[in-house]
């Protein structure tokens, strides 16, 4: 019997081995104070706020990119907003 060609290990078997090894991890006995959880939540909220601000900032460019007529409509939209905001003041 020749063993010159080995069969590759299937993805399923790799997953089973990885799961088994993850379950063998020893406890860290680490302490996370309430400030750490608050800091993690604050970072997540900040990330969503940053993404929202970026989308809001580039909304007209994104909208123009999705349209077929492209940049012409974006220029018109921005001109209309500028004229409305200057008329209000």
PDB file of N, CA and C in Angstrom:
ATOM      1  N   UNK A   1       0.834  -1.177   0.000  1.00  0.00           N
ATOM      2  CA  UNK A   1       0.000   0.000   0.000  1.00  0.00           C
ATOM      3  C   UNK A   1       0.883   1.245   0.000  1.00  0.00           C
ATOM      4  N   UNK A   2       0.663   2.123  -0.952  1.00  0.00           N
ATOM      5  CA  UNK A   2       1.461   3.337  -1.057  1.00  0.00           C
ATOM      6  C   UNK A   2       0.724   4.501  -0.406  1.00  0.00           C
ATOM      7  N   UNK A   3       1.482   5.349   0.265  1.00  0.00           N
ATOM      8  CA  UNK A   3       0.915   6.537   0.893  1.00  0.00           C
ATOM      9  C   UNK A   3       1.540   7.796   0.302  1.00  0.00           C
ATOM     10  N   UNK A   4       1.851   7.761  -0.969  1.00  0.00           N
ATOM     11  CA  UNK A   4       2.509   8.908  -1.595  1.00  0.00           C
ATOM     12  C   UNK A   4       1.554  10.088  -1.760  1.00  0.00           C
ATOM     13  N   UNK A   5       0.274   9.813  -1.983  1.00  0.00           N
ATOM     14  CA  UNK A   5      -0.696  10.890  -2.130  1.00  0.00           C
ATOM     15  C   UNK A   5      -1.653  10.853  -0.950  1.00  0.00           C
ATOM     16  N   UNK A   6      -1.649  11.930  -0.195  1.00  0.00           N
ATOM     17  CA  UNK A   6      -2.552  12.012   0.949  1.00  0.00           C
ATOM     18  C   UNK A   6      -3.792  12.786   0.551  1.00  0.00           C
ATOM     19  N   UNK A   7      -4.912  12.394   1.084  1.00  0.00           N
ATOM     20  CA  UNK A   7      -6.144  13.128   0.832  1.00  0.00           C
ATOM     21  C   UNK A   7      -6.139  14.378   1.699  1.00  0.00           C
ATOM     22  N   UNK A   8      -6.591  15.508   1.140  1.00  0.00           N
ATOM     23  CA  UNK A   8      -6.625  16.738   1.940  1.00  0.00           C
ATOM     24  C   UNK A   8      -7.671  16.619   3.045  1.00  0.00           C
ATOM     25  N   UNK A   9      -7.386  17.267   4.157  1.00  0.00           N
ATOM     26  CA  UNK A   9      -8.316  17.260   5.286  1.00  0.00           C
ATOM     27  C   UNK A   9      -9.496  18.149   4.914  1.00  0.00           C
ATOM     28  N   UNK A  10     -10.703  17.631   5.117  1.00  0.00           N
ATOM     29  CA  UNK A  10     -11.888  18.386   4.724  1.00  0.00           C
ATOM     30  C   UNK A  10     -12.096  19.586   5.641  1.00  0.00           C
ATOM     31  N   UNK A  11     -12.832  20.578   5.159  1.00  0.00           N
ATOM     32  CA  UNK A  11     -13.147  21.777   5.941  1.00  0.00           C
ATOM     33  C   UNK A  11     -13.940  21.406   7.190  1.00  0.00           C
ATOM     34  N   UNK A  12     -14.814  20.414   7.041  1.00  0.00           N
ATOM     35  CA  UNK A  12     -15.627  19.997   8.169  1.00  0.00           C
ATOM     36  C   UNK A  12     -14.754  19.469   9.297  1.00  0.00           C
ATOM     37  N   UNK A  13     -13.778  18.665   8.956  1.00  0.00           N
ATOM     38  CA  UNK A  13     -12.886  18.088   9.957  1.00  0.00           C
ATOM     39  C   UNK A  13     -12.021  19.172  10.592  1.00  0.00           C
ATOM     40  N   UNK A  14     -11.585  20.149   9.807  1.00  0.00           N
ATOM     41  CA  UNK A  14     -10.815  21.266  10.358  1.00  0.00           C
ATOM     42  C   UNK A  14     -11.652  22.049  11.363  1.00  0.00           C
ATOM     43  N   UNK A  15     -12.924  22.256  11.042  1.00  0.00           N
ATOM     44  CA  UNK A  15     -13.824  22.963  11.949  1.00  0.00           C
ATOM     45  C   UNK A  15     -14.034  22.211  13.245  1.00  0.00           C
ATOM     46  N   UNK A  16     -14.191  20.890  13.154  1.00  0.00           N
ATOM     47  CA  UNK A  16     -14.384  20.064  14.347  1.00  0.00           C
ATOM     48  C   UNK A  16     -13.145  20.138  15.242  1.00  0.00           C
ATOM     49  N   UNK A  17     -11.969  20.048  14.647  1.00  0.00           N
ATOM     50  CA  UNK A  17     -10.732  20.122  15.425  1.00  0.00           C
ATOM     51  C   UNK A  17     -10.575  21.494  16.062  1.00  0.00           C
ATOM     52  N   UNK A  18     -10.879  22.552  15.329  1.00  0.00           N
ATOM     53  CA  UNK A  18     -10.772  23.907  15.875  1.00  0.00           C
ATOM     54  C   UNK A  18     -11.751  24.107  17.029  1.00  0.00           C
ATOM     55  N   UNK A  19     -12.965  23.615  16.888  1.00  0.00           N
ATOM     56  CA  UNK A  19     -13.952  23.724  17.961  1.00  0.00           C
ATOM     57  C   UNK A  19     -13.506  22.944  19.193  1.00  0.00           C
ATOM     58  N   UNK A  20     -12.977  21.764  18.984  1.00  0.00           N
ATOM     59  CA  UNK A  20     -12.484  20.958  20.093  1.00  0.00           C
ATOM     60  C   UNK A  20     -11.342  21.663  20.821  1.00  0.00           C
ATOM     61  N   UNK A  21     -10.412  22.230  20.082  1.00  0.00           N
ATOM     62  CA  UNK A  21      -9.298  22.936  20.705  1.00  0.00           C
ATOM     63  C   UNK A  21      -9.755  24.186  21.444  1.00  0.00           C
ATOM     64  N   UNK A  22     -10.778  24.864  20.928  1.00  0.00           N
ATOM     65  CA  UNK A  22     -11.302  26.055  21.600  1.00  0.00           C
ATOM     66  C   UNK A  22     -11.964  25.689  22.924  1.00  0.00           C
ATOM     67  N   UNK A  23     -12.566  24.509  22.981  1.00  0.00           N
ATOM     68  CA  UNK A  23     -13.209  24.082  24.231  1.00  0.00           C
ATOM     69  C   UNK A  23     -12.197  23.646  25.280  1.00  0.00           C
ATOM     70  N   UNK A  24     -10.972  23.395  24.889  1.00  0.00           N
ATOM     71  CA  UNK A  24      -9.933  22.992  25.829  1.00  0.00           C
ATOM     72  C   UNK A  24      -9.218  24.182  26.471  1.00  0.00           C
ATOM     73  N   UNK A  25      -9.587  25.399  26.114  1.00  0.00           N
ATOM     74  CA  UNK A  25      -8.913  26.576  26.644  1.00  0.00           C
ATOM     75  C   UNK A  25      -9.108  26.668  28.153  1.00  0.00           C
ATOM     76  N   UNK A  26      -8.052  27.032  28.841  1.00  0.00           N
ATOM     77  CA  UNK A  26      -8.111  27.188  30.284  1.00  0.00           C
ATOM     78  C   UNK A  26      -8.708  28.539  30.639  1.00  0.00           C
ATOM     79  N   UNK A  27      -9.392  28.637  31.782  1.00  0.00           N
ATOM     80  CA  UNK A  27      -9.932  29.936  32.182  1.00  0.00           C
ATOM     81  C   UNK A  27      -8.815  30.928  32.480  1.00  0.00           C
ATOM     82  N   UNK A  28      -9.047  32.185  32.137  1.00  0.00           N
ATOM     83  CA  UNK A  28      -8.016  33.211  32.312  1.00  0.00           C
ATOM     84  C   UNK A  28      -8.002  33.777  33.718  1.00  0.00           C
ATOM     85  N   UNK A  29      -9.094  33.682  34.446  1.00  0.00           N
ATOM     86  CA  UNK A  29      -9.218  34.247  35.783  1.00  0.00           C
ATOM     87  C   UNK A  29      -8.878  35.729  35.771  1.00  0.00           C
ATOM     88  N   UNK A  30      -9.361  36.416  34.745  1.00  0.00           N
ATOM     89  CA  UNK A  30      -9.114  37.850  34.596  1.00  0.00           C
ATOM     90  C   UNK A  30     -10.316  38.628  35.108  1.00  0.00           C
ATOM     91  N   UNK A  31     -10.063  39.839  35.560  1.00  0.00           N
ATOM     92  CA  UNK A  31     -11.129  40.692  36.061  1.00  0.00           C
ATOM     93  C   UNK A  31     -11.330  41.855  35.101  1.00  0.00           C
ATOM     94  N   UNK A  32     -12.549  42.038  34.641  1.00  0.00           N
ATOM     95  CA  UNK A  32     -12.895  43.191  33.821  1.00  0.00           C
ATOM     96  C   UNK A  32     -13.855  44.052  34.632  1.00  0.00           C
ATOM     97  N   UNK A  33     -13.417  45.230  34.974  1.00  0.00           N
ATOM     98  CA  UNK A  33     -14.275  46.099  35.777  1.00  0.00           C
ATOM     99  C   UNK A  33     -15.368  46.718  34.916  1.00  0.00           C
ATOM    100  N   UNK A  34     -16.389  47.327  35.534  1.00  0.00           N
ATOM    101  CA  UNK A  34     -17.497  47.914  34.771  1.00  0.00           C
ATOM    102  C   UNK A  34     -17.049  48.997  33.793  1.00  0.00           C
ATOM    103  N   UNK A  35     -15.969  49.657  34.085  1.00  0.00           N
ATOM    104  CA  UNK A  35     -15.458  50.687  33.174  1.00  0.00           C
ATOM    105  C   UNK A  35     -15.027  50.124  31.834  1.00  0.00           C
ATOM    106  N   UNK A  36     -14.544  48.894  31.823  1.00  0.00           N
ATOM    107  CA  UNK A  36     -14.113  48.256  30.577  1.00  0.00           C
ATOM    108  C   UNK A  36     -15.301  48.000  29.663  1.00  0.00           C
ATOM    109  N   UNK A  37     -16.390  47.482  30.218  1.00  0.00           N
ATOM    110  CA  UNK A  37     -17.597  47.257  29.417  1.00  0.00           C
ATOM    111  C   UNK A  37     -18.153  48.555  28.877  1.00  0.00           C
ATOM    112  N   UNK A  38     -18.129  49.584  29.702  1.00  0.00           N
ATOM    113  CA  UNK A  38     -18.591  50.902  29.269  1.00  0.00           C
ATOM    114  C   UNK A  38     -17.720  51.440  28.140  1.00  0.00           C
ATOM    115  N   UNK A  39     -16.425  51.216  28.232  1.00  0.00           N
ATOM    116  CA  UNK A  39     -15.505  51.683  27.198  1.00  0.00           C
ATOM    117  C   UNK A  39     -15.759  50.953  25.877  1.00  0.00           C
ATOM    118  N   UNK A  40     -16.027  49.662  25.934  1.00  0.00           N
ATOM    119  CA  UNK A  40     -16.309  48.888  24.717  1.00  0.00           C
ATOM    120  C   UNK A  40     -17.610  49.362  24.072  1.00  0.00           C
ATOM    121  N   UNK A  41     -18.651  49.575  24.884  1.00  0.00           N
ATOM    122  CA  UNK A  41     -19.922  50.078  24.351  1.00  0.00           C
ATOM    123  C   UNK A  41     -19.742  51.464  23.748  1.00  0.00           C
ATOM    124  N   UNK A  42     -18.950  52.307  24.396  1.00  0.00           N
ATOM    125  CA  UNK A  42     -18.685  53.648  23.878  1.00  0.00           C
ATOM    126  C   UNK A  42     -17.967  53.594  22.529  1.00  0.00           C
ATOM    127  N   UNK A  43     -17.035  52.677  22.384  1.00  0.00           N
ATOM    128  CA  UNK A  43     -16.318  52.533  21.110  1.00  0.00           C
ATOM    129  C   UNK A  43     -17.251  52.069  20.003  1.00  0.00           C
ATOM    130  N   UNK A  44     -18.159  51.152  20.326  1.00  0.00           N
ATOM    131  CA  UNK A  44     -19.109  50.661  19.319  1.00  0.00           C
ATOM    132  C   UNK A  44     -20.061  51.769  18.892  1.00  0.00           C
ATOM    133  N   UNK A  45     -20.576  52.545  19.853  1.00  0.00           N
ATOM    134  CA  UNK A  45     -21.468  53.669  19.531  1.00  0.00           C
ATOM    135  C   UNK A  45     -20.726  54.702  18.695  1.00  0.00           C
ATOM    136  N   UNK A  46     -19.476  54.984  19.043  1.00  0.00           N
ATOM    137  CA  UNK A  46     -18.667  55.923  18.264  1.00  0.00           C
ATOM    138  C   UNK A  46     -18.442  55.456  16.835  1.00  0.00           C
ATOM    139  N   UNK A  47     -18.246  54.155  16.662  1.00  0.00           N
ATOM    140  CA  UNK A  47     -18.066  53.602  15.319  1.00  0.00           C
ATOM    141  C   UNK A  47     -19.316  53.809  14.470  1.00  0.00           C
ATOM    142  N   UNK A  48     -20.493  53.516  15.052  1.00  0.00           N
ATOM    143  CA  UNK A  48     -21.740  53.714  14.311  1.00  0.00           C
ATOM    144  C   UNK A  48     -21.977  55.196  14.016  1.00  0.00           C
ATOM    145  N   UNK A  49     -21.636  56.078  14.949  1.00  0.00           N
ATOM    146  CA  UNK A  49     -21.802  57.509  14.718  1.00  0.00           C
ATOM    147  C   UNK A  49     -20.887  57.984  13.593  1.00  0.00           C
ATOM    148  N   UNK A  50     -19.674  57.477  13.553  1.00  0.00           N
ATOM    149  CA  UNK A  50     -18.735  57.843  12.486  1.00  0.00           C
ATOM    150  C   UNK A  50     -19.229  57.369  11.127  1.00  0.00           C
ATOM    151  N   UNK A  51     -19.732  56.154  11.072  1.00  0.00           N
ATOM    152  CA  UNK A  51     -20.266  55.626   9.815  1.00  0.00           C
ATOM    153  C   UNK A  51     -21.471  56.451   9.366  1.00  0.00           C
ATOM    154  N   UNK A  52     -22.358  56.784  10.317  1.00  0.00           N
ATOM    155  CA  UNK A  52     -23.523  57.607   9.987  1.00  0.00           C
ATOM    156  C   UNK A  52     -23.138  58.976   9.475  1.00  0.00           C
ATOM    157  N   UNK A  53     -22.136  59.598  10.087  1.00  0.00           N
ATOM    158  CA  UNK A  53     -21.684  60.916   9.638  1.00  0.00           C
ATOM    159  C   UNK A  53     -21.057  60.840   8.247  1.00  0.00           C
ATOM    160  N   UNK A  54     -20.300  59.790   7.984  1.00  0.00           N
ATOM    161  CA  UNK A  54     -19.690  59.635   6.660  1.00  0.00           C
ATOM    162  C   UNK A  54     -20.759  59.454   5.589  1.00  0.00           C
ATOM    163  N   UNK A  55     -21.783  58.655   5.890  1.00  0.00           N
ATOM    164  CA  UNK A  55     -22.873  58.457   4.921  1.00  0.00           C
ATOM    165  C   UNK A  55     -23.618  59.771   4.706  1.00  0.00           C
ATOM    166  N   UNK A  56     -23.880  60.501   5.792  1.00  0.00           N
ATOM    167  CA  UNK A  56     -24.585  61.773   5.667  1.00  0.00           C
ATOM    168  C   UNK A  56     -23.767  62.782   4.858  1.00  0.00           C
ATOM    169  N   UNK A  57     -22.468  62.796   5.076  1.00  0.00           N
ATOM    170  CA  UNK A  57     -21.597  63.736   4.376  1.00  0.00           C
ATOM    171  C   UNK A  57     -21.569  63.466   2.874  1.00  0.00           C
ATOM    172  N   UNK A  58     -21.506  62.202   2.506  1.00  0.00           N
ATOM    173  CA  UNK A  58     -21.378  61.853   1.092  1.00  0.00           C
ATOM    174  C   UNK A  58     -22.685  61.351   0.485  1.00  0.00           C
ATOM    175  N   UNK A  59     -23.818  61.654   1.117  1.00  0.00           N
ATOM    176  CA  UNK A  59     -25.107  61.129   0.664  1.00  0.00           C
ATOM    177  C   UNK A  59     -25.422  61.510  -0.787  1.00  0.00           C
ATOM    178  N   UNK A  60     -25.215  62.757  -1.162  1.00  0.00           N
ATOM    179  CA  UNK A  60     -25.557  63.180  -2.529  1.00  0.00           C
ATOM    180  C   UNK A  60     -24.618  62.560  -3.560  1.00  0.00           C
ATOM    181  N   UNK A  61     -23.367  62.374  -3.189  1.00  0.00           N
ATOM    182  CA  UNK A  61     -22.445  61.726  -4.117  1.00  0.00           C
ATOM    183  C   UNK A  61     -22.809  60.249  -4.279  1.00  0.00           C
ATOM    184  N   UNK A  62     -23.197  59.611  -3.184  1.00  0.00           N
ATOM    185  CA  UNK A  62     -23.616  58.213  -3.257  1.00  0.00           C
ATOM    186  C   UNK A  62     -24.899  58.097  -4.087  1.00  0.00           C
ATOM    187  N   UNK A  63     -25.826  59.023  -3.857  1.00  0.00           N
ATOM    188  CA  UNK A  63     -27.089  59.012  -4.581  1.00  0.00           C
ATOM    189  C   UNK A  63     -26.853  59.234  -6.083  1.00  0.00           C
ATOM    190  N   UNK A  64     -25.955  60.152  -6.413  1.00  0.00           N
ATOM    191  CA  UNK A  64     -25.646  60.411  -7.819  1.00  0.00           C
ATOM    192  C   UNK A  64     -24.959  59.205  -8.457  1.00  0.00           C
ATOM    193  N   UNK A  65     -24.140  58.528  -7.693  1.00  0.00           N
ATOM    194  CA  UNK A  65     -23.453  57.354  -8.211  1.00  0.00           C
ATOM    195  C   UNK A  65     -24.449  56.245  -8.534  1.00  0.00           C
ATOM    196  N   UNK A  66     -25.485  56.135  -7.730  1.00  0.00           N
ATOM    197  CA  UNK A  66     -26.487  55.095  -7.946  1.00  0.00           C
ATOM    198  C   UNK A  66     -27.425  55.416  -9.113  1.00  0.00           C
ATOM    199  N   UNK A  67     -27.571  56.689  -9.418  1.00  0.00           N
ATOM    200  CA  UNK A  67     -28.438  57.081 -10.534  1.00  0.00           C
ATOM    201  C   UNK A  67     -27.740  56.868 -11.866  1.00  0.00           C
ATOM    202  N   UNK A  68     -28.522  56.899 -12.920  1.00  0.00           N
ATOM    203  CA  UNK A  68     -27.940  56.735 -14.250  1.00  0.00           C
ATOM    204  C   UNK A  68     -27.393  58.049 -14.788  1.00  0.00           C
ATOM    205  N   UNK A  69     -28.050  59.165 -14.428  1.00  0.00           N
ATOM    206  CA  UNK A  69     -27.619  60.433 -15.004  1.00  0.00           C
ATOM    207  C   UNK A  69     -26.398  61.014 -14.292  1.00  0.00           C
ATOM    208  N   UNK A  70     -25.972  60.440 -13.184  1.00  0.00           N
ATOM    209  CA  UNK A  70     -24.688  60.733 -12.594  1.00  0.00           C
ATOM    210  C   UNK A  70     -24.515  62.100 -11.976  1.00  0.00           C
ATOM    211  N   UNK A  71     -23.419  62.747 -12.315  1.00  0.00           N
ATOM    212  CA  UNK A  71     -22.965  63.947 -11.629  1.00  0.00           C
ATOM    213  C   UNK A  71     -23.847  65.163 -11.881  1.00  0.00           C
ATOM    214  N   UNK A  72     -24.516  65.222 -13.018  1.00  0.00           N
ATOM    215  CA  UNK A  72     -25.346  66.394 -13.319  1.00  0.00           C
ATOM    216  C   UNK A  72     -26.435  66.583 -12.272  1.00  0.00           C
ATOM    217  N   UNK A  73     -27.089  65.506 -11.890  1.00  0.00           N
ATOM    218  CA  UNK A  73     -28.159  65.617 -10.905  1.00  0.00           C
ATOM    219  C   UNK A  73     -27.604  65.968  -9.527  1.00  0.00           C
ATOM    220  N   UNK A  74     -26.412  65.478  -9.200  1.00  0.00           N
ATOM    221  CA  UNK A  74     -25.809  65.795  -7.903  1.00  0.00           C
ATOM    222  C   UNK A  74     -25.493  67.282  -7.823  1.00  0.00           C
ATOM    223  N   UNK A  75     -25.011  67.850  -8.918  1.00  0.00           N
ATOM    224  CA  UNK A  75     -24.712  69.278  -8.940  1.00  0.00           C
ATOM    225  C   UNK A  75     -25.997  70.076  -8.792  1.00  0.00           C
ATOM    226  N   UNK A  76     -27.067  69.641  -9.490  1.00  0.00           N
ATOM    227  CA  UNK A  76     -28.349  70.334  -9.366  1.00  0.00           C
ATOM    228  C   UNK A  76     -28.897  70.246  -7.946  1.00  0.00           C
ATOM    229  N   UNK A  77     -28.817  69.064  -7.332  1.00  0.00           N
ATOM    230  CA  UNK A  77     -29.307  68.891  -5.967  1.00  0.00           C
ATOM    231  C   UNK A  77     -28.556  69.792  -4.991  1.00  0.00           C
ATOM    232  N   UNK A  78     -27.235  69.839  -5.109  1.00  0.00           N
ATOM    233  CA  UNK A  78     -26.440  70.679  -4.218  1.00  0.00           C
ATOM    234  C   UNK A  78     -26.743  72.155  -4.439  1.00  0.00           C
ATOM    235  N   UNK A  79     -26.982  72.559  -5.707  1.00  0.00           N
ATOM    236  CA  UNK A  79     -27.305  73.950  -6.005  1.00  0.00           C
ATOM    237  C   UNK A  79     -28.659  74.318  -5.408  1.00  0.00           C
ATOM    238  N   UNK A  80     -29.624  73.399  -5.481  1.00  0.00           N
ATOM    239  CA  UNK A  80     -30.935  73.662  -4.900  1.00  0.00           C
ATOM    240  C   UNK A  80     -30.850  73.800  -3.385  1.00  0.00           C
ATOM    241  N   UNK A  81     -30.066  72.974  -2.747  1.00  0.00           N
ATOM    242  CA  UNK A  81     -29.920  73.046  -1.293  1.00  0.00           C
ATOM    243  C   UNK A  81     -29.245  74.347  -0.901  1.00  0.00           C
ATOM    244  N   UNK A  82     -28.207  74.736  -1.644  1.00  0.00           N
ATOM    245  CA  UNK A  82     -27.519  76.002  -1.346  1.00  0.00           C
ATOM    246  C   UNK A  82     -28.450  77.189  -1.525  1.00  0.00           C
ATOM    247  N   UNK A  83     -29.262  77.177  -2.576  1.00  0.00           N
ATOM    248  CA  UNK A  83     -30.160  78.312  -2.811  1.00  0.00           C
ATOM    249  C   UNK A  83     -31.264  78.366  -1.743  1.00  0.00           C
ATOM    250  N   UNK A  84     -31.745  77.200  -1.292  1.00  0.00           N
ATOM    251  CA  UNK A  84     -32.752  77.176  -0.248  1.00  0.00           C
ATOM    252  C   UNK A  84     -32.193  77.656   1.082  1.00  0.00           C
ATOM    253  N   UNK A  85     -30.963  77.246   1.401  1.00  0.00           N
ATOM    254  CA  UNK A  85     -30.384  77.647   2.679  1.00  0.00           C
ATOM    255  C   UNK A  85     -30.026  79.136   2.674  1.00  0.00           C
ATOM    256  N   UNK A  86     -29.635  79.683   1.532  1.00  0.00           N
ATOM    257  CA  UNK A  86     -29.312  81.112   1.491  1.00  0.00           C
ATOM    258  C   UNK A  86     -30.596  81.956   1.476  1.00  0.00           C
ATOM    259  N   UNK A  87     -31.693  81.424   0.961  1.00  0.00           N
ATOM    260  CA  UNK A  87     -32.953  82.149   0.956  1.00  0.00           C
ATOM    261  C   UNK A  87     -33.560  82.201   2.353  1.00  0.00           C
ATOM    262  N   UNK A  88     -33.280  81.186   3.177  1.00  0.00           N
ATOM    263  CA  UNK A  88     -33.813  81.163   4.528  1.00  0.00           C
ATOM    264  C   UNK A  88     -33.158  82.207   5.425  1.00  0.00           C
ATOM    265  N   UNK A  89     -31.940  82.602   5.129  1.00  0.00           N
ATOM    266  CA  UNK A  89     -31.218  83.532   6.025  1.00  0.00           C
ATOM    267  C   UNK A  89     -31.329  84.908   5.545  1.00  0.00           C
TER     268      UNK A  89
END
